[in-house]
Protein backbone atom coordinates (compact mmCIF):
# COMPACT_ATOMS: atom_id res chain seq x y z
CA UNK A 1 -41.47 -36.38 50.32
CA UNK A 2 -45.16 -37.33 50.64
CA UNK A 3 -47.69 -34.81 49.61
CA UNK A 4 -51.35 -34.82 50.85
CA UNK A 5 -53.88 -32.70 49.13
CA UNK A 6 -56.63 -31.55 51.54
CA UNK A 7 -59.37 -30.91 48.96
CA UNK A 8 -60.63 -32.03 45.52
CA UNK A 9 -58.52 -32.26 42.38
CA UNK A 10 -60.38 -31.61 39.06
CA UNK A 11 -58.10 -32.17 36.13
CA UNK A 12 -60.75 -33.43 33.54
CA UNK A 13 -60.03 -32.77 29.91
CA UNK A 14 -56.30 -32.29 30.66
CA UNK A 15 -54.93 -33.48 27.34
CA UNK A 16 -51.19 -33.27 28.23
CA UNK A 17 -51.22 -34.89 31.71
CA UNK A 18 -49.45 -38.23 31.75
CA UNK A 19 -48.79 -38.99 35.46
CA UNK A 20 -49.14 -37.78 38.98
CA UNK A 21 -45.85 -37.21 40.85
CA UNK A 22 -45.23 -37.05 44.56
CA UNK A 23 -48.88 -37.18 45.73
CA UNK A 24 -49.65 -39.91 48.21
CA UNK A 25 -53.22 -38.88 49.25
CA UNK A 26 -56.09 -36.77 48.09
CA UNK A 27 -58.64 -36.17 50.85
CA UNK A 28 -61.45 -35.24 48.34
CA UNK A 29 -62.19 -36.55 44.91
CA UNK A 30 -59.81 -36.91 41.93
CA UNK A 31 -61.28 -36.32 38.47
CA UNK A 32 -59.13 -37.31 35.48
CA UNK A 33 -62.05 -37.89 33.17
CA UNK A 34 -61.10 -37.47 29.51
CA UNK A 35 -57.36 -37.10 30.02
CA UNK A 36 -56.49 -39.37 27.05
CA UNK A 37 -52.73 -39.46 27.65
CA UNK A 38 -52.87 -40.18 31.46
CA UNK A 39 -51.13 -43.41 32.40
CA UNK A 40 -49.74 -43.44 35.95
CA UNK A 41 -51.02 -42.56 39.44
CA UNK A 42 -47.44 -42.46 40.74
CA UNK A 43 -47.22 -42.76 44.56
CA UNK A 44 -50.96 -42.20 45.13
CA UNK A 45 -52.27 -44.56 47.89
CA UNK A 46 -55.60 -43.07 48.94
CA UNK A 47 -58.39 -40.93 47.50
CA UNK A 48 -60.94 -39.84 50.08
CA UNK A 49 -63.76 -39.29 47.57
CA UNK A 50 -64.45 -40.69 44.13
CA UNK A 51 -61.81 -41.41 41.45
CA UNK A 52 -62.78 -40.84 37.79
CA UNK A 53 -60.37 -42.35 35.27
CA UNK A 54 -62.86 -42.50 32.28
CA UNK A 55 -61.11 -42.24 29.01
CA UNK A 56 -57.50 -42.44 30.26
CA UNK A 57 -54.74 -44.86 29.31
CA UNK A 58 -54.36 -46.29 32.86
CA UNK A 59 -53.43 -50.01 32.87
CA UNK A 60 -52.73 -50.51 36.57
CA UNK A 61 -53.77 -48.69 39.74
CA UNK A 62 -50.24 -49.07 41.07
CA UNK A 63 -49.91 -48.27 44.76
CA UNK A 64 -53.52 -47.19 45.23
CA UNK A 65 -55.08 -48.99 48.20
CA UNK A 66 -58.30 -47.07 48.92
CA UNK A 67 -60.98 -45.03 47.16
CA UNK A 68 -63.62 -43.58 49.49
CA UNK A 69 -66.26 -43.10 46.77
CA UNK A 70 -66.91 -44.65 43.40
CA UNK A 71 -64.19 -45.72 40.93
CA UNK A 72 -64.78 -45.14 37.29
CA UNK A 73 -62.65 -47.26 34.96
CA UNK A 74 -64.77 -47.27 31.89
CA UNK A 75 -63.10 -46.78 28.49
CA UNK A 76 -59.63 -47.56 29.83
CA UNK A 77 -57.16 -50.35 29.03
CA UNK A 78 -57.04 -51.36 32.80
CA UNK A 79 -55.42 -54.74 33.30
CA UNK A 80 -54.65 -54.76 36.99
CA UNK A 81 -56.23 -53.43 40.19
CA UNK A 82 -52.88 -53.94 41.95
CA UNK A 83 -52.98 -52.99 45.65
CA UNK A 84 -56.64 -51.90 45.74
CA UNK A 85 -58.30 -53.06 48.90
CA UNK A 86 -61.23 -50.87 49.60
CA UNK A 87 -63.79 -48.90 47.49
CA UNK A 88 -66.59 -47.03 49.14
CA UNK A 89 -68.87 -46.87 46.09
CA UNK A 90 -69.27 -48.81 42.83
CA UNK A 91 -66.50 -49.81 40.51
CA UNK A 92 -67.64 -48.90 36.97
CA UNK A 93 -65.98 -50.97 34.23
CA UNK A 94 -66.57 -51.29 30.48
CA UNK A 95 -68.20 -54.52 29.31
CA UNK A 96 -65.08 -55.38 27.30
CA UNK A 97 -62.71 -54.64 30.16
CA UNK A 98 -59.81 -56.98 30.97
CA UNK A 99 -61.00 -56.78 34.60
CA UNK A 100 -63.63 -59.42 34.26
CA UNK A 101 -65.87 -61.17 36.80
CA UNK A 102 -63.46 -64.08 36.73
CA UNK A 103 -60.50 -61.71 37.44
CA UNK A 104 -62.43 -60.29 40.43
CA UNK A 105 -63.29 -63.68 41.85
CA UNK A 106 -59.70 -64.82 41.63
CA UNK A 107 -57.79 -61.67 42.66
CA UNK A 108 -60.24 -59.29 44.40
CA UNK A 109 -63.22 -61.29 45.66
CA UNK A 110 -63.91 -58.78 48.41
CA UNK A 111 -64.64 -56.13 45.75
CA UNK A 112 -66.70 -58.21 43.32
CA UNK A 113 -70.09 -57.11 44.65
CA UNK A 114 -69.10 -53.45 43.94
CA UNK A 115 -68.39 -54.03 40.24
CA UNK A 116 -70.73 -52.82 37.49
CA UNK A 117 -69.90 -53.67 33.90
CA UNK A 118 -71.59 -51.24 31.53
C-alpha cells in the first residue's frame, strides 16, 4: 500500500533510523540530516520540497525520481543517483564524492548544471 505524506517530515538527528518503509511520496520536505545509520529510502519516488541526506549512509537513491527543492548529499557514501530525473534546486555533493562530474556527464547529463561540489 502506497503512503503519501501531505506535509514536511523532519527526522534530523535520528540516530536509530535505518530506512523508510511504505512511503511513496512526501509533499513537503524530508530532512534526514545527521541520521548516521540511515541507508535506504525504500519505496520513496517523490519529495515535493528539499531532501537533506547530509551525514547519512545512503549509497543509492533507489526509486526516487523527483525532488522539488534542493538535494543535499554531502558527507554520504552516495554511489548512484539511480532513477533520479528531476531536481528543482541544487544538488550539493562533497568534493570527494563518487558522484563526479564525469559520472554526471555519462549518466545524468540533464542534472549536471544543478551540481555543486563543496
